[in-house]
């Protein structure tokens, strides 16, 4: 009986650590860099520049082709991007489709989910962006 209780306790501990709850605010993100791991559950291509950087209330990065930038604000468990702008280079796929899907997600308030301390998922009705903390 004691072994079964110990196993159950270990399982609960593993489950609790798999979904980290982080109280985020502007300071959580200031000066952070993220690699875009997936957009709408589709892994980013092996080649190309897929990144997001946050600093001093600003957001910038690339979804494989054009540079983008704007402002961000953390509101409870949501992050809101405003004043978005990007370069307007013509892009071929897969960068073009990732960029369109990524910009669609960024254009609406996004719910933040932290699968771990180094992984962050931003989601809303337009889709999701999975991020991994970069060094």
C-alpha atoms as a PDB file:
ATOM      1  CA  UNK A   1       0.000   0.000   0.000  1.00  0.00           C
ATOM      2  CA  UNK A   2       2.827   2.412   0.817  1.00  0.00           C
ATOM      3  CA  UNK A   3       4.494   1.779  -2.575  1.00  0.00           C
ATOM      4  CA  UNK A   4       1.239   2.537  -4.405  1.00  0.00           C
ATOM      5  CA  UNK A   5       0.827   5.788  -2.463  1.00  0.00           C
ATOM      6  CA  UNK A   6       4.413   6.787  -3.261  1.00  0.00           C
ATOM      7  CA  UNK A   7       3.864   6.089  -6.984  1.00  0.00           C
ATOM      8  CA  UNK A   8       0.670   8.168  -6.966  1.00  0.00           C
ATOM      9  CA  UNK A   9       2.482  11.034  -5.252  1.00  0.00           C
ATOM     10  CA  UNK A  10       5.296  10.881  -7.822  1.00  0.00           C
ATOM     11  CA  UNK A  11       2.763  10.957 -10.692  1.00  0.00           C
ATOM     12  CA  UNK A  12       1.054  13.991  -9.187  1.00  0.00           C
ATOM     13  CA  UNK A  13       4.399  15.766  -8.821  1.00  0.00           C
ATOM     14  CA  UNK A  14       5.234  15.097 -12.477  1.00  0.00           C
ATOM     15  CA  UNK A  15       1.843  16.344 -13.634  1.00  0.00           C
ATOM     16  CA  UNK A  16       2.161  19.505 -11.564  1.00  0.00           C
ATOM     17  CA  UNK A  17       5.519  20.375 -13.103  1.00  0.00           C
ATOM     18  CA  UNK A  18       4.356  19.793 -16.678  1.00  0.00           C
ATOM     19  CA  UNK A  19       2.135  22.913 -16.711  1.00  0.00           C
ATOM     20  CA  UNK A  20       3.949  25.781 -15.082  1.00  0.00           C
ATOM     21  CA  UNK A  21       1.894  28.764 -13.990  1.00  0.00           C
ATOM     22  CA  UNK A  22       3.874  31.976 -14.180  1.00  0.00           C
ATOM     23  CA  UNK A  23       2.512  35.333 -13.056  1.00  0.00           C
ATOM     24  CA  UNK A  24       3.687  37.369 -16.042  1.00  0.00           C
ATOM     25  CA  UNK A  25       4.026  41.115 -16.359  1.00  0.00           C
ATOM     26  CA  UNK A  26       6.117  43.471 -18.513  1.00  0.00           C
ATOM     27  CA  UNK A  27       9.233  42.607 -16.466  1.00  0.00           C
ATOM     28  CA  UNK A  28       8.812  38.901 -17.267  1.00  0.00           C
ATOM     29  CA  UNK A  29       9.487  39.642 -20.926  1.00  0.00           C
ATOM     30  CA  UNK A  30      11.828  42.644 -20.894  1.00  0.00           C
ATOM     31  CA  UNK A  31      15.010  41.748 -22.753  1.00  0.00           C
ATOM     32  CA  UNK A  32      13.884  38.238 -23.741  1.00  0.00           C
ATOM     33  CA  UNK A  33      14.476  36.458 -27.033  1.00  0.00           C
ATOM     34  CA  UNK A  34      12.428  33.536 -28.307  1.00  0.00           C
ATOM     35  CA  UNK A  35      12.750  31.047 -31.128  1.00  0.00           C
ATOM     36  CA  UNK A  36       9.477  30.377 -32.938  1.00  0.00           C
ATOM     37  CA  UNK A  37       9.097  26.595 -32.622  1.00  0.00           C
ATOM     38  CA  UNK A  38       5.714  26.273 -34.369  1.00  0.00           C
ATOM     39  CA  UNK A  39       2.817  28.236 -35.777  1.00  0.00           C
ATOM     40  CA  UNK A  40      -0.590  26.572 -35.592  1.00  0.00           C
ATOM     41  CA  UNK A  41       1.125  23.340 -34.447  1.00  0.00           C
ATOM     42  CA  UNK A  42       3.233  23.280 -37.633  1.00  0.00           C
ATOM     43  CA  UNK A  43       6.961  23.156 -36.829  1.00  0.00           C
ATOM     44  CA  UNK A  44       9.046  25.947 -38.271  1.00  0.00           C
ATOM     45  CA  UNK A  45      11.306  24.993 -41.187  1.00  0.00           C
ATOM     46  CA  UNK A  46      14.876  23.985 -40.413  1.00  0.00           C
ATOM     47  CA  UNK A  47      16.233  26.983 -42.329  1.00  0.00           C
ATOM     48  CA  UNK A  48      15.223  30.612 -41.996  1.00  0.00           C
ATOM     49  CA  UNK A  49      14.949  33.202 -39.264  1.00  0.00           C
ATOM     50  CA  UNK A  50      11.969  32.544 -36.977  1.00  0.00           C
ATOM     51  CA  UNK A  51      12.275  34.631 -33.805  1.00  0.00           C
ATOM     52  CA  UNK A  52      10.535  37.070 -31.463  1.00  0.00           C
ATOM     53  CA  UNK A  53      12.301  39.601 -29.240  1.00  0.00           C
ATOM     54  CA  UNK A  54      10.752  41.742 -26.495  1.00  0.00           C
ATOM     55  CA  UNK A  55      12.387  44.797 -24.983  1.00  0.00           C
ATOM     56  CA  UNK A  56      11.201  48.006 -23.323  1.00  0.00           C
ATOM     57  CA  UNK A  57       7.567  47.379 -24.296  1.00  0.00           C
ATOM     58  CA  UNK A  58       8.522  46.688 -27.902  1.00  0.00           C
ATOM     59  CA  UNK A  59       8.176  43.485 -29.888  1.00  0.00           C
ATOM     60  CA  UNK A  60      10.101  42.574 -33.020  1.00  0.00           C
ATOM     61  CA  UNK A  61      11.242  39.596 -35.013  1.00  0.00           C
ATOM     62  CA  UNK A  62      10.745  37.523 -38.109  1.00  0.00           C
ATOM     63  CA  UNK A  63       8.567  34.643 -39.219  1.00  0.00           C
ATOM     64  CA  UNK A  64      11.063  33.599 -41.885  1.00  0.00           C
ATOM     65  CA  UNK A  65      10.881  36.532 -44.288  1.00  0.00           C
ATOM     66  CA  UNK A  66       9.876  40.077 -43.337  1.00  0.00           C
ATOM     67  CA  UNK A  67      10.972  41.916 -40.222  1.00  0.00           C
ATOM     68  CA  UNK A  68       8.130  43.053 -37.965  1.00  0.00           C
ATOM     69  CA  UNK A  69       7.853  45.323 -34.970  1.00  0.00           C
ATOM     70  CA  UNK A  70       5.356  46.973 -32.675  1.00  0.00           C
ATOM     71  CA  UNK A  71       4.447  47.451 -29.032  1.00  0.00           C
ATOM     72  CA  UNK A  72       3.232  44.881 -26.523  1.00  0.00           C
ATOM     73  CA  UNK A  73       1.404  45.016 -23.231  1.00  0.00           C
ATOM     74  CA  UNK A  74       0.776  42.254 -20.689  1.00  0.00           C
ATOM     75  CA  UNK A  75      -2.766  42.255 -19.288  1.00  0.00           C
ATOM     76  CA  UNK A  76      -3.278  39.495 -16.748  1.00  0.00           C
ATOM     77  CA  UNK A  77      -2.849  36.213 -18.615  1.00  0.00           C
ATOM     78  CA  UNK A  78      -2.961  37.902 -22.019  1.00  0.00           C
ATOM     79  CA  UNK A  79      -0.444  39.722 -24.148  1.00  0.00           C
ATOM     80  CA  UNK A  80      -1.633  42.378 -26.598  1.00  0.00           C
ATOM     81  CA  UNK A  81       0.407  43.612 -29.571  1.00  0.00           C
ATOM     82  CA  UNK A  82      -0.306  47.026 -31.075  1.00  0.00           C
ATOM     83  CA  UNK A  83       1.146  49.401 -33.672  1.00  0.00           C
ATOM     84  CA  UNK A  84       2.347  46.439 -35.789  1.00  0.00           C
ATOM     85  CA  UNK A  85       4.391  47.162 -38.875  1.00  0.00           C
ATOM     86  CA  UNK A  86       6.549  45.032 -41.144  1.00  0.00           C
ATOM     87  CA  UNK A  87       8.728  45.179 -44.200  1.00  0.00           C
ATOM     88  CA  UNK A  88       6.927  44.213 -47.399  1.00  0.00           C
ATOM     89  CA  UNK A  89       9.258  41.842 -49.234  1.00  0.00           C
ATOM     90  CA  UNK A  90       7.717  39.154 -51.411  1.00  0.00           C
ATOM     91  CA  UNK A  91       8.287  35.773 -49.766  1.00  0.00           C
ATOM     92  CA  UNK A  92       8.033  32.229 -51.007  1.00  0.00           C
ATOM     93  CA  UNK A  93       6.673  29.317 -49.017  1.00  0.00           C
ATOM     94  CA  UNK A  94       7.114  28.036 -46.386  1.00  0.00           C
ATOM     95  CA  UNK A  95       8.070  31.461 -44.950  1.00  0.00           C
ATOM     96  CA  UNK A  96       5.082  33.207 -46.572  1.00  0.00           C
ATOM     97  CA  UNK A  97       2.495  30.875 -45.041  1.00  0.00           C
ATOM     98  CA  UNK A  98       4.175  30.957 -41.610  1.00  0.00           C
ATOM     99  CA  UNK A  99       4.322  34.732 -41.724  1.00  0.00           C
ATOM    100  CA  UNK A 100       0.648  35.104 -42.634  1.00  0.00           C
ATOM    101  CA  UNK A 101      -0.428  32.707 -39.886  1.00  0.00           C
ATOM    102  CA  UNK A 102       1.900  34.314 -37.325  1.00  0.00           C
ATOM    103  CA  UNK A 103       0.720  37.848 -38.108  1.00  0.00           C
ATOM    104  CA  UNK A 104      -2.919  36.689 -37.835  1.00  0.00           C
ATOM    105  CA  UNK A 105      -2.245  35.446 -34.288  1.00  0.00           C
ATOM    106  CA  UNK A 106      -0.332  38.599 -33.300  1.00  0.00           C
ATOM    107  CA  UNK A 107      -3.182  40.822 -34.508  1.00  0.00           C
ATOM    108  CA  UNK A 108      -5.493  39.760 -31.640  1.00  0.00           C
ATOM    109  CA  UNK A 109      -5.006  39.541 -27.852  1.00  0.00           C
ATOM    110  CA  UNK A 110      -3.253  36.257 -27.056  1.00  0.00           C
ATOM    111  CA  UNK A 111      -3.666  33.963 -24.069  1.00  0.00           C
ATOM    112  CA  UNK A 112      -0.339  32.900 -22.551  1.00  0.00           C
ATOM    113  CA  UNK A 113       0.205  29.257 -21.612  1.00  0.00           C
ATOM    114  CA  UNK A 114       3.504  28.113 -20.110  1.00  0.00           C
ATOM    115  CA  UNK A 115       4.125  24.370 -20.744  1.00  0.00           C
ATOM    116  CA  UNK A 116       7.481  24.951 -18.979  1.00  0.00           C
ATOM    117  CA  UNK A 117       9.652  27.832 -17.811  1.00  0.00           C
ATOM    118  CA  UNK A 118      11.390  27.952 -21.216  1.00  0.00           C
ATOM    119  CA  UNK A 119       8.333  27.363 -23.444  1.00  0.00           C
ATOM    120  CA  UNK A 120       5.470  29.749 -24.046  1.00  0.00           C
ATOM    121  CA  UNK A 121       2.368  29.294 -26.211  1.00  0.00           C
ATOM    122  CA  UNK A 122       0.452  32.351 -27.416  1.00  0.00           C
ATOM    123  CA  UNK A 123      -3.044  31.508 -28.648  1.00  0.00           C
ATOM    124  CA  UNK A 124      -6.353  33.023 -29.704  1.00  0.00           C
ATOM    125  CA  UNK A 125      -9.108  32.162 -32.218  1.00  0.00           C
ATOM    126  CA  UNK A 126      -6.698  32.901 -35.111  1.00  0.00           C
ATOM    127  CA  UNK A 127      -4.296  30.119 -33.996  1.00  0.00           C
ATOM    128  CA  UNK A 128      -1.170  29.690 -31.892  1.00  0.00           C
ATOM    129  CA  UNK A 129       2.514  30.516 -31.787  1.00  0.00           C
ATOM    130  CA  UNK A 130       4.808  28.185 -29.806  1.00  0.00           C
ATOM    131  CA  UNK A 131       7.959  29.853 -28.509  1.00  0.00           C
ATOM    132  CA  UNK A 132      11.142  28.495 -26.909  1.00  0.00           C
ATOM    133  CA  UNK A 133      13.346  30.792 -24.853  1.00  0.00           C
ATOM    134  CA  UNK A 134      16.578  31.589 -26.719  1.00  0.00           C
ATOM    135  CA  UNK A 135      19.894  32.081 -24.927  1.00  0.00           C
END
